[in-house]
Amino acid sequence: MLRQIHLSFLLMLIGGALTVVGFIAYFQESATLNLVGFFYGIPALLGGLALKASELKPVPFSQTTTPEVLALREQQATSTQNQLRKDVTRYRYGQDIHLDEALKRLGLGRTDDEHPILDGIREVERDGAYTLVLEFQSTFIPLEAWQNKRSKIEKFFGPGVLSEITQPSEDRVELALITSLEPT
């Protein structure tokens, strides 16, 4: 629930309200409320506007997760899969794209403009294993480059995770992070 709250909106709302109270207090010659409005309201309002300018919206689920897959997630998902899902489905601030650092470390894109864009996720079951599927718009990175990074992707996303890379259509790549059911 708290992950879906716009911090920027909350700061703008509080800052705006305090600023309005400060202006009203100024015209009514109430020094204490005037100071509260100006010293707390305006900085909070400006902070909210700054956060809004650097806000990165959560990645939407492309399909509803079934109760069976939710149960599978509780039993099998690795901490990396859970952290990844939580990170991309909440508001982020100060980043241009989701997973920018991970994509840089994996060598998927030489510049910020070439990085694949994560625009959807879904949770599914594959051969009895929990699978987190990351859906990318990958205009500048061909499927072969993704496939060449497969072992690096599996190492990066941790022990107990296998990867499967597919291309459902041109300029689209799906990275499936599958929980390994084999003991490691």
N, C-alpha and C. Protein backbone atom coordinates (compact mmCIF):
# COMPACT_ATOMS: atom_id res chain seq x y z
N MET A 1 0.82 -1.19 0.00
CA MET A 1 0.00 0.00 0.00
C MET A 1 0.87 1.25 0.00
N LEU A 2 1.82 1.36 0.93
CA LEU A 2 2.67 2.53 1.00
C LEU A 2 3.56 2.68 -0.23
N ARG A 3 3.83 1.56 -0.91
CA ARG A 3 4.67 1.60 -2.09
C ARG A 3 4.00 2.34 -3.24
N GLN A 4 2.69 2.45 -3.21
CA GLN A 4 1.96 3.08 -4.30
C GLN A 4 1.66 4.55 -4.04
N ILE A 5 2.15 5.11 -2.94
CA ILE A 5 1.90 6.51 -2.61
C ILE A 5 2.97 7.37 -3.29
N HIS A 6 2.52 8.43 -3.95
CA HIS A 6 3.45 9.39 -4.54
C HIS A 6 4.02 10.24 -3.41
N LEU A 7 5.28 10.09 -3.11
CA LEU A 7 5.92 10.94 -2.11
C LEU A 7 5.89 12.39 -2.57
N SER A 8 6.06 12.59 -3.88
CA SER A 8 6.05 13.94 -4.41
C SER A 8 4.69 14.60 -4.21
N PHE A 9 3.63 13.86 -4.45
CA PHE A 9 2.27 14.40 -4.28
C PHE A 9 2.02 14.75 -2.82
N LEU A 10 2.45 13.87 -1.93
CA LEU A 10 2.25 14.10 -0.50
C LEU A 10 2.98 15.37 -0.04
N LEU A 11 4.23 15.54 -0.47
CA LEU A 11 4.98 16.75 -0.10
C LEU A 11 4.36 18.00 -0.71
N MET A 12 3.89 17.91 -1.96
CA MET A 12 3.26 19.08 -2.58
C MET A 12 1.97 19.44 -1.85
N LEU A 13 1.21 18.44 -1.44
CA LEU A 13 -0.04 18.69 -0.73
C LEU A 13 0.21 19.36 0.62
N ILE A 14 1.11 18.79 1.41
CA ILE A 14 1.43 19.35 2.72
C ILE A 14 2.08 20.72 2.57
N GLY A 15 3.04 20.82 1.65
CA GLY A 15 3.71 22.10 1.43
C GLY A 15 2.76 23.18 0.94
N GLY A 16 1.87 22.81 0.03
CA GLY A 16 0.89 23.77 -0.47
C GLY A 16 -0.05 24.24 0.62
N ALA A 17 -0.52 23.30 1.45
CA ALA A 17 -1.43 23.66 2.54
C ALA A 17 -0.74 24.58 3.54
N LEU A 18 0.48 24.25 3.93
CA LEU A 18 1.21 25.09 4.88
C LEU A 18 1.52 26.47 4.29
N THR A 19 1.81 26.52 3.00
CA THR A 19 2.08 27.81 2.35
C THR A 19 0.84 28.68 2.33
N VAL A 20 -0.31 28.09 2.01
CA VAL A 20 -1.57 28.84 2.01
C VAL A 20 -1.88 29.35 3.42
N VAL A 21 -1.68 28.49 4.42
CA VAL A 21 -1.89 28.92 5.81
C VAL A 21 -0.95 30.07 6.14
N GLY A 22 0.30 29.99 5.67
CA GLY A 22 1.26 31.06 5.91
C GLY A 22 0.85 32.38 5.30
N PHE A 23 0.34 32.34 4.08
CA PHE A 23 -0.11 33.57 3.42
C PHE A 23 -1.33 34.16 4.13
N ILE A 24 -2.27 33.30 4.49
CA ILE A 24 -3.46 33.79 5.21
C ILE A 24 -3.04 34.40 6.55
N ALA A 25 -2.12 33.74 7.24
CA ALA A 25 -1.64 34.26 8.52
C ALA A 25 -0.89 35.57 8.34
N TYR A 26 -0.18 35.71 7.24
CA TYR A 26 0.55 36.95 6.96
C TYR A 26 -0.42 38.13 6.84
N PHE A 27 -1.50 37.91 6.10
CA PHE A 27 -2.47 39.00 5.91
C PHE A 27 -3.31 39.26 7.16
N GLN A 28 -3.38 38.28 8.05
CA GLN A 28 -4.09 38.48 9.31
C GLN A 28 -3.14 38.86 10.44
N GLU A 29 -1.88 39.08 10.09
CA GLU A 29 -0.84 39.50 11.02
C GLU A 29 -0.66 38.53 12.18
N SER A 30 -0.67 37.26 11.87
CA SER A 30 -0.40 36.21 12.86
C SER A 30 1.01 35.68 12.60
N ALA A 31 1.96 36.20 13.36
CA ALA A 31 3.38 35.93 13.09
C ALA A 31 3.76 34.46 13.20
N THR A 32 3.24 33.76 14.17
CA THR A 32 3.63 32.36 14.38
C THR A 32 3.21 31.49 13.20
N LEU A 33 1.96 31.56 12.81
CA LEU A 33 1.48 30.77 11.67
C LEU A 33 2.15 31.22 10.38
N ASN A 34 2.43 32.50 10.28
CA ASN A 34 3.11 33.03 9.11
C ASN A 34 4.47 32.35 8.94
N LEU A 35 5.24 32.25 10.03
CA LEU A 35 6.55 31.62 9.98
C LEU A 35 6.47 30.14 9.64
N VAL A 36 5.51 29.46 10.22
CA VAL A 36 5.33 28.03 9.93
C VAL A 36 5.06 27.84 8.44
N GLY A 37 4.18 28.66 7.91
CA GLY A 37 3.84 28.54 6.49
C GLY A 37 5.01 28.80 5.58
N PHE A 38 5.77 29.83 5.87
CA PHE A 38 6.89 30.18 5.00
C PHE A 38 8.12 29.29 5.21
N PHE A 39 8.44 28.97 6.45
CA PHE A 39 9.66 28.20 6.70
C PHE A 39 9.50 26.70 6.48
N TYR A 40 8.28 26.18 6.58
CA TYR A 40 8.07 24.76 6.35
C TYR A 40 7.29 24.50 5.06
N GLY A 41 6.32 25.36 4.78
CA GLY A 41 5.45 25.14 3.63
C GLY A 41 6.15 25.28 2.29
N ILE A 42 6.87 26.37 2.11
CA ILE A 42 7.52 26.62 0.82
C ILE A 42 8.61 25.58 0.54
N PRO A 43 9.50 25.25 1.49
CA PRO A 43 10.49 24.20 1.19
C PRO A 43 9.84 22.84 0.91
N ALA A 44 8.78 22.49 1.62
CA ALA A 44 8.10 21.21 1.35
C ALA A 44 7.47 21.22 -0.03
N LEU A 45 6.87 22.34 -0.41
CA LEU A 45 6.27 22.46 -1.74
C LEU A 45 7.34 22.35 -2.82
N LEU A 46 8.45 23.02 -2.65
CA LEU A 46 9.53 22.96 -3.63
C LEU A 46 10.15 21.55 -3.68
N GLY A 47 10.29 20.92 -2.52
CA GLY A 47 10.79 19.54 -2.48
C GLY A 47 9.86 18.60 -3.22
N GLY A 48 8.57 18.76 -3.03
CA GLY A 48 7.59 17.93 -3.74
C GLY A 48 7.66 18.13 -5.23
N LEU A 49 7.82 19.39 -5.67
CA LEU A 49 7.95 19.67 -7.10
C LEU A 49 9.23 19.06 -7.68
N ALA A 50 10.32 19.13 -6.91
CA ALA A 50 11.58 18.53 -7.37
C ALA A 50 11.45 17.01 -7.48
N LEU A 51 10.81 16.38 -6.50
CA LEU A 51 10.61 14.93 -6.59
C LEU A 51 9.72 14.57 -7.77
N LYS A 52 8.70 15.36 -8.02
CA LYS A 52 7.79 15.10 -9.14
C LYS A 52 8.56 15.14 -10.46
N ALA A 53 9.51 16.07 -10.56
CA ALA A 53 10.30 16.19 -11.79
C ALA A 53 11.19 14.98 -12.01
N SER A 54 11.61 14.30 -10.94
CA SER A 54 12.51 13.16 -11.07
C SER A 54 11.82 11.82 -10.81
N GLU A 55 10.50 11.81 -10.85
CA GLU A 55 9.72 10.61 -10.50
C GLU A 55 9.74 9.58 -11.63
N LEU A 56 9.91 8.34 -11.26
CA LEU A 56 9.84 7.21 -12.19
C LEU A 56 8.68 6.34 -11.73
N LYS A 57 7.68 6.20 -12.58
CA LYS A 57 6.47 5.47 -12.21
C LYS A 57 6.73 3.97 -12.10
N PRO A 58 5.91 3.27 -11.31
CA PRO A 58 6.07 1.82 -11.17
C PRO A 58 5.79 1.11 -12.49
N VAL A 59 6.45 -0.02 -12.68
CA VAL A 59 6.20 -0.85 -13.85
C VAL A 59 4.91 -1.63 -13.60
N PRO A 60 3.98 -1.61 -14.56
CA PRO A 60 2.72 -2.32 -14.35
C PRO A 60 2.86 -3.83 -14.59
N PHE A 61 1.99 -4.60 -13.95
CA PHE A 61 1.89 -6.02 -14.24
C PHE A 61 1.13 -6.16 -15.56
N SER A 62 1.66 -6.95 -16.48
CA SER A 62 1.01 -7.11 -17.78
C SER A 62 -0.15 -8.10 -17.72
N GLN A 63 -0.18 -8.91 -16.67
CA GLN A 63 -1.31 -9.81 -16.45
C GLN A 63 -1.45 -10.04 -14.95
N THR A 64 -2.66 -10.34 -14.55
CA THR A 64 -2.94 -10.58 -13.13
C THR A 64 -2.27 -11.87 -12.68
N THR A 65 -1.67 -11.81 -11.51
CA THR A 65 -1.04 -13.00 -10.94
C THR A 65 -2.10 -13.88 -10.31
N THR A 66 -2.12 -15.14 -10.69
CA THR A 66 -3.12 -16.07 -10.18
C THR A 66 -2.80 -16.48 -8.74
N PRO A 67 -3.81 -16.91 -7.99
CA PRO A 67 -3.54 -17.38 -6.62
C PRO A 67 -2.55 -18.54 -6.56
N GLU A 68 -2.57 -19.40 -7.57
CA GLU A 68 -1.63 -20.52 -7.61
C GLU A 68 -0.18 -20.02 -7.71
N VAL A 69 0.02 -19.00 -8.56
CA VAL A 69 1.37 -18.45 -8.72
C VAL A 69 1.79 -17.69 -7.46
N LEU A 70 0.84 -17.01 -6.81
CA LEU A 70 1.15 -16.33 -5.55
C LEU A 70 1.62 -17.34 -4.49
N ALA A 71 0.96 -18.48 -4.44
CA ALA A 71 1.36 -19.52 -3.49
C ALA A 71 2.75 -20.06 -3.85
N LEU A 72 2.99 -20.20 -5.14
CA LEU A 72 4.30 -20.66 -5.62
C LEU A 72 5.38 -19.63 -5.26
N ARG A 73 5.05 -18.35 -5.38
CA ARG A 73 5.99 -17.29 -5.01
C ARG A 73 6.38 -17.40 -3.55
N GLU A 74 5.38 -17.61 -2.68
CA GLU A 74 5.65 -17.73 -1.25
C GLU A 74 6.58 -18.90 -0.94
N GLN A 75 6.45 -19.98 -1.70
CA GLN A 75 7.23 -21.18 -1.44
C GLN A 75 8.62 -21.14 -2.08
N GLN A 76 8.72 -20.58 -3.29
CA GLN A 76 9.94 -20.78 -4.08
C GLN A 76 10.74 -19.52 -4.41
N ALA A 77 10.13 -18.36 -4.43
CA ALA A 77 10.83 -17.16 -4.92
C ALA A 77 12.09 -16.88 -4.12
N THR A 78 13.14 -16.52 -4.82
CA THR A 78 14.39 -16.16 -4.15
C THR A 78 14.28 -14.73 -3.63
N SER A 79 15.16 -14.37 -2.73
CA SER A 79 15.14 -13.00 -2.20
C SER A 79 15.42 -11.98 -3.31
N THR A 80 16.24 -12.36 -4.28
CA THR A 80 16.52 -11.46 -5.41
C THR A 80 15.27 -11.25 -6.25
N GLN A 81 14.53 -12.30 -6.54
CA GLN A 81 13.29 -12.15 -7.31
C GLN A 81 12.29 -11.26 -6.57
N ASN A 82 12.15 -11.48 -5.27
CA ASN A 82 11.22 -10.66 -4.48
C ASN A 82 11.66 -9.20 -4.44
N GLN A 83 12.94 -8.95 -4.22
CA GLN A 83 13.45 -7.59 -4.18
C GLN A 83 13.28 -6.90 -5.53
N LEU A 84 13.55 -7.61 -6.59
CA LEU A 84 13.41 -7.07 -7.94
C LEU A 84 11.96 -6.69 -8.22
N ARG A 85 11.04 -7.56 -7.89
CA ARG A 85 9.61 -7.30 -8.11
C ARG A 85 9.17 -6.09 -7.30
N LYS A 86 9.59 -6.01 -6.05
CA LYS A 86 9.20 -4.88 -5.20
C LYS A 86 9.81 -3.57 -5.69
N ASP A 87 11.06 -3.61 -6.13
CA ASP A 87 11.74 -2.39 -6.58
C ASP A 87 11.10 -1.80 -7.82
N VAL A 88 10.74 -2.62 -8.78
CA VAL A 88 10.22 -2.07 -10.04
C VAL A 88 8.73 -1.74 -9.98
N THR A 89 8.04 -2.18 -8.93
CA THR A 89 6.61 -1.89 -8.83
C THR A 89 6.32 -0.78 -7.81
N ARG A 90 7.31 0.05 -7.53
CA ARG A 90 7.10 1.19 -6.66
C ARG A 90 7.67 2.44 -7.32
N TYR A 91 7.26 3.59 -6.81
CA TYR A 91 7.78 4.85 -7.33
C TYR A 91 9.25 4.97 -6.97
N ARG A 92 10.04 5.42 -7.94
CA ARG A 92 11.47 5.64 -7.74
C ARG A 92 11.76 7.10 -8.04
N TYR A 93 12.80 7.62 -7.45
CA TYR A 93 13.16 9.03 -7.64
C TYR A 93 14.63 9.13 -8.00
N GLY A 94 14.94 9.97 -8.98
CA GLY A 94 16.32 10.21 -9.38
C GLY A 94 16.89 9.20 -10.35
N GLN A 95 16.06 8.36 -10.92
CA GLN A 95 16.52 7.39 -11.91
C GLN A 95 15.81 7.68 -13.23
N ASP A 96 16.51 7.38 -14.33
CA ASP A 96 15.91 7.58 -15.65
C ASP A 96 15.07 6.39 -16.07
N ILE A 97 15.56 5.19 -15.76
CA ILE A 97 14.85 3.96 -16.13
C ILE A 97 14.98 2.96 -14.99
N HIS A 98 14.06 2.01 -14.95
CA HIS A 98 14.15 0.93 -13.96
C HIS A 98 15.33 0.03 -14.31
N LEU A 99 16.01 -0.44 -13.30
CA LEU A 99 17.13 -1.37 -13.41
C LEU A 99 18.32 -0.78 -14.16
N ASP A 100 18.50 0.53 -14.13
CA ASP A 100 19.58 1.15 -14.89
C ASP A 100 20.95 0.63 -14.47
N GLU A 101 21.20 0.50 -13.19
CA GLU A 101 22.50 0.01 -12.72
C GLU A 101 22.71 -1.45 -13.11
N ALA A 102 21.67 -2.26 -12.98
CA ALA A 102 21.79 -3.68 -13.35
C ALA A 102 22.09 -3.81 -14.84
N LEU A 103 21.41 -3.04 -15.66
CA LEU A 103 21.64 -3.12 -17.11
C LEU A 103 23.05 -2.65 -17.47
N LYS A 104 23.56 -1.64 -16.77
CA LYS A 104 24.93 -1.18 -17.01
C LYS A 104 25.93 -2.27 -16.66
N ARG A 105 25.73 -2.89 -15.51
CA ARG A 105 26.66 -3.93 -15.06
C ARG A 105 26.62 -5.17 -15.95
N LEU A 106 25.46 -5.42 -16.53
CA LEU A 106 25.33 -6.56 -17.44
C LEU A 106 25.86 -6.24 -18.84
N GLY A 107 26.13 -4.97 -19.09
CA GLY A 107 26.64 -4.57 -20.40
C GLY A 107 25.57 -4.50 -21.48
N LEU A 108 24.35 -4.24 -21.07
CA LEU A 108 23.25 -4.14 -22.03
C LEU A 108 22.96 -2.67 -22.32
N GLY A 109 23.72 -2.10 -23.25
CA GLY A 109 23.58 -0.71 -23.62
C GLY A 109 24.81 0.08 -23.25
N ARG A 110 25.40 0.75 -24.23
CA ARG A 110 26.62 1.52 -23.96
C ARG A 110 26.31 2.89 -23.36
N THR A 111 25.17 3.45 -23.74
CA THR A 111 24.78 4.76 -23.21
C THR A 111 23.39 4.65 -22.60
N ASP A 112 22.99 5.69 -21.85
CA ASP A 112 21.67 5.69 -21.23
C ASP A 112 20.56 5.61 -22.28
N ASP A 113 20.79 6.18 -23.44
CA ASP A 113 19.77 6.16 -24.49
C ASP A 113 19.60 4.78 -25.13
N GLU A 114 20.60 3.93 -25.00
CA GLU A 114 20.55 2.60 -25.62
C GLU A 114 20.03 1.52 -24.68
N HIS A 115 19.87 1.82 -23.40
CA HIS A 115 19.43 0.79 -22.46
C HIS A 115 18.02 0.32 -22.79
N PRO A 116 17.77 -0.96 -22.61
CA PRO A 116 16.40 -1.46 -22.77
C PRO A 116 15.49 -0.84 -21.70
N ILE A 117 14.23 -0.66 -22.04
CA ILE A 117 13.25 -0.05 -21.13
C ILE A 117 12.33 -1.14 -20.60
N LEU A 118 12.32 -1.31 -19.28
CA LEU A 118 11.40 -2.26 -18.65
C LEU A 118 10.02 -1.64 -18.62
N ASP A 119 9.06 -2.25 -19.33
CA ASP A 119 7.73 -1.66 -19.39
C ASP A 119 6.62 -2.60 -18.94
N GLY A 120 6.98 -3.77 -18.43
CA GLY A 120 5.98 -4.68 -17.90
C GLY A 120 6.63 -5.86 -17.19
N ILE A 121 5.92 -6.41 -16.22
CA ILE A 121 6.36 -7.65 -15.57
C ILE A 121 5.16 -8.54 -15.39
N ARG A 122 5.43 -9.80 -15.21
CA ARG A 122 4.37 -10.75 -14.88
C ARG A 122 4.98 -11.92 -14.12
N GLU A 123 4.13 -12.57 -13.34
CA GLU A 123 4.55 -13.75 -12.58
C GLU A 123 3.78 -14.93 -13.13
N VAL A 124 4.53 -15.99 -13.46
CA VAL A 124 3.92 -17.18 -14.04
C VAL A 124 4.58 -18.42 -13.44
N GLU A 125 4.02 -19.55 -13.79
CA GLU A 125 4.58 -20.85 -13.39
C GLU A 125 5.11 -21.52 -14.65
N ARG A 126 6.35 -22.00 -14.59
CA ARG A 126 6.93 -22.74 -15.71
C ARG A 126 7.49 -24.05 -15.19
N ASP A 127 6.92 -25.12 -15.65
CA ASP A 127 7.36 -26.47 -15.26
C ASP A 127 7.43 -26.61 -13.74
N GLY A 128 6.43 -26.08 -13.06
CA GLY A 128 6.34 -26.20 -11.61
C GLY A 128 7.19 -25.21 -10.83
N ALA A 129 7.86 -24.27 -11.53
CA ALA A 129 8.75 -23.31 -10.86
C ALA A 129 8.18 -21.90 -10.98
N TYR A 130 8.36 -21.12 -9.91
CA TYR A 130 7.98 -19.72 -9.92
C TYR A 130 8.88 -18.97 -10.91
N THR A 131 8.26 -18.13 -11.74
CA THR A 131 9.01 -17.39 -12.76
C THR A 131 8.57 -15.93 -12.77
N LEU A 132 9.54 -15.05 -12.70
CA LEU A 132 9.30 -13.62 -12.83
C LEU A 132 9.76 -13.21 -14.22
N VAL A 133 8.83 -12.72 -15.03
CA VAL A 133 9.14 -12.35 -16.41
C VAL A 133 9.22 -10.83 -16.52
N LEU A 134 10.39 -10.35 -16.97
CA LEU A 134 10.62 -8.92 -17.17
C LEU A 134 10.46 -8.63 -18.66
N GLU A 135 9.58 -7.70 -18.99
CA GLU A 135 9.27 -7.39 -20.39
C GLU A 135 9.95 -6.08 -20.78
N PHE A 136 10.87 -6.14 -21.74
CA PHE A 136 11.66 -4.98 -22.13
C PHE A 136 11.34 -4.51 -23.54
N GLN A 137 11.37 -3.21 -23.72
CA GLN A 137 11.42 -2.59 -25.05
C GLN A 137 12.91 -2.48 -25.34
N SER A 138 13.41 -3.28 -26.29
CA SER A 138 14.85 -3.35 -26.54
C SER A 138 15.15 -2.99 -27.98
N THR A 139 15.06 -1.72 -28.27
CA THR A 139 15.24 -1.25 -29.64
C THR A 139 16.69 -1.36 -30.10
N PHE A 140 17.64 -1.04 -29.22
CA PHE A 140 19.04 -0.96 -29.61
C PHE A 140 19.87 -2.21 -29.28
N ILE A 141 19.32 -3.10 -28.48
CA ILE A 141 20.05 -4.30 -28.08
C ILE A 141 19.39 -5.52 -28.74
N PRO A 142 20.07 -6.19 -29.67
CA PRO A 142 19.46 -7.34 -30.35
C PRO A 142 19.36 -8.56 -29.43
N LEU A 143 18.53 -9.50 -29.81
CA LEU A 143 18.32 -10.71 -29.03
C LEU A 143 19.63 -11.47 -28.82
N GLU A 144 20.50 -11.48 -29.82
CA GLU A 144 21.78 -12.20 -29.71
C GLU A 144 22.64 -11.64 -28.57
N ALA A 145 22.62 -10.32 -28.40
CA ALA A 145 23.38 -9.70 -27.30
C ALA A 145 22.84 -10.15 -25.95
N TRP A 146 21.51 -10.22 -25.84
CA TRP A 146 20.89 -10.71 -24.61
C TRP A 146 21.32 -12.15 -24.36
N GLN A 147 21.24 -12.99 -25.39
CA GLN A 147 21.57 -14.40 -25.23
C GLN A 147 23.04 -14.61 -24.88
N ASN A 148 23.92 -13.76 -25.40
CA ASN A 148 25.34 -13.84 -25.06
C ASN A 148 25.59 -13.50 -23.59
N LYS A 149 24.69 -12.76 -22.98
CA LYS A 149 24.83 -12.35 -21.56
C LYS A 149 24.09 -13.30 -20.61
N ARG A 150 23.56 -14.38 -21.13
CA ARG A 150 22.71 -15.25 -20.31
C ARG A 150 23.41 -15.75 -19.04
N SER A 151 24.62 -16.26 -19.16
CA SER A 151 25.31 -16.76 -17.96
C SER A 151 25.62 -15.62 -16.98
N LYS A 152 25.95 -14.45 -17.52
CA LYS A 152 26.21 -13.29 -16.66
C LYS A 152 24.93 -12.85 -15.95
N ILE A 153 23.79 -12.93 -16.65
CA ILE A 153 22.49 -12.59 -16.06
C ILE A 153 22.18 -13.54 -14.91
N GLU A 154 22.42 -14.84 -15.11
CA GLU A 154 22.14 -15.83 -14.07
C GLU A 154 23.02 -15.61 -12.85
N LYS A 155 24.29 -15.26 -13.06
CA LYS A 155 25.17 -14.98 -11.93
C LYS A 155 24.75 -13.69 -11.23
N PHE A 156 24.36 -12.68 -12.01
CA PHE A 156 24.00 -11.38 -11.45
C PHE A 156 22.75 -11.47 -10.58
N PHE A 157 21.74 -12.19 -11.05
CA PHE A 157 20.48 -12.28 -10.31
C PHE A 157 20.50 -13.38 -9.25
N GLY A 158 21.67 -13.91 -9.02
CA GLY A 158 21.86 -14.70 -7.83
C GLY A 158 21.76 -16.20 -7.98
N PRO A 159 22.14 -16.84 -6.92
CA PRO A 159 22.03 -18.30 -6.91
C PRO A 159 20.55 -18.71 -6.88
N GLY A 160 20.30 -19.83 -7.49
CA GLY A 160 18.94 -20.36 -7.48
C GLY A 160 18.05 -19.78 -8.56
N VAL A 161 18.64 -19.08 -9.53
CA VAL A 161 17.85 -18.48 -10.60
C VAL A 161 18.42 -18.88 -11.95
N LEU A 162 17.55 -19.37 -12.82
CA LEU A 162 17.90 -19.66 -14.20
C LEU A 162 17.24 -18.59 -15.06
N SER A 163 17.79 -18.35 -16.24
CA SER A 163 17.19 -17.34 -17.11
C SER A 163 16.79 -17.95 -18.45
N GLU A 164 15.76 -17.37 -19.01
CA GLU A 164 15.30 -17.76 -20.34
C GLU A 164 14.99 -16.46 -21.07
N ILE A 165 15.55 -16.29 -22.24
CA ILE A 165 15.39 -15.04 -22.99
C ILE A 165 14.67 -15.34 -24.29
N THR A 166 13.57 -14.62 -24.52
CA THR A 166 12.79 -14.80 -25.74
C THR A 166 12.49 -13.44 -26.36
N GLN A 167 12.11 -13.49 -27.64
CA GLN A 167 11.74 -12.26 -28.35
C GLN A 167 10.34 -12.45 -28.92
N PRO A 168 9.30 -11.98 -28.20
CA PRO A 168 7.93 -12.18 -28.67
C PRO A 168 7.59 -11.38 -29.92
N SER A 169 8.29 -10.26 -30.14
CA SER A 169 8.10 -9.46 -31.35
C SER A 169 9.35 -8.61 -31.54
N GLU A 170 9.43 -7.95 -32.69
CA GLU A 170 10.59 -7.12 -32.98
C GLU A 170 10.69 -6.00 -31.94
N ASP A 171 11.89 -5.71 -31.50
CA ASP A 171 12.18 -4.68 -30.49
C ASP A 171 11.63 -5.01 -29.11
N ARG A 172 11.24 -6.24 -28.87
CA ARG A 172 10.75 -6.66 -27.55
C ARG A 172 11.56 -7.88 -27.11
N VAL A 173 11.95 -7.88 -25.85
CA VAL A 173 12.67 -9.01 -25.27
C VAL A 173 12.05 -9.32 -23.92
N GLU A 174 11.84 -10.60 -23.65
CA GLU A 174 11.35 -11.04 -22.35
C GLU A 174 12.44 -11.84 -21.66
N LEU A 175 12.76 -11.41 -20.44
CA LEU A 175 13.73 -12.10 -19.61
C LEU A 175 12.98 -12.80 -18.49
N ALA A 176 12.97 -14.12 -18.56
CA ALA A 176 12.29 -14.92 -17.52
C ALA A 176 13.33 -15.36 -16.50
N LEU A 177 13.10 -14.99 -15.25
CA LEU A 177 13.96 -15.41 -14.14
C LEU A 177 13.24 -16.53 -13.40
N ILE A 178 13.71 -17.74 -13.62
CA ILE A 178 13.05 -18.95 -13.17
C ILE A 178 13.75 -19.48 -11.92
N THR A 179 12.97 -19.76 -10.88
CA THR A 179 13.54 -20.35 -9.68
C THR A 179 14.05 -21.74 -10.01
N SER A 180 15.30 -21.99 -9.68
CA SER A 180 15.90 -23.30 -9.92
C SER A 180 15.41 -24.26 -8.84
N LEU A 181 14.81 -25.36 -9.26
CA LEU A 181 14.31 -26.34 -8.30
C LEU A 181 15.37 -27.36 -7.92
N GLU A 182 16.52 -27.30 -8.60
CA GLU A 182 17.62 -28.22 -8.28
C GLU A 182 18.40 -27.67 -7.11
N PRO A 183 18.87 -28.52 -6.20
CA PRO A 183 19.69 -28.03 -5.08
C PRO A 183 21.01 -27.45 -5.61
N THR A 184 21.41 -26.33 -5.02
CA THR A 184 22.65 -25.69 -5.48
C THR A 184 23.83 -26.01 -4.61
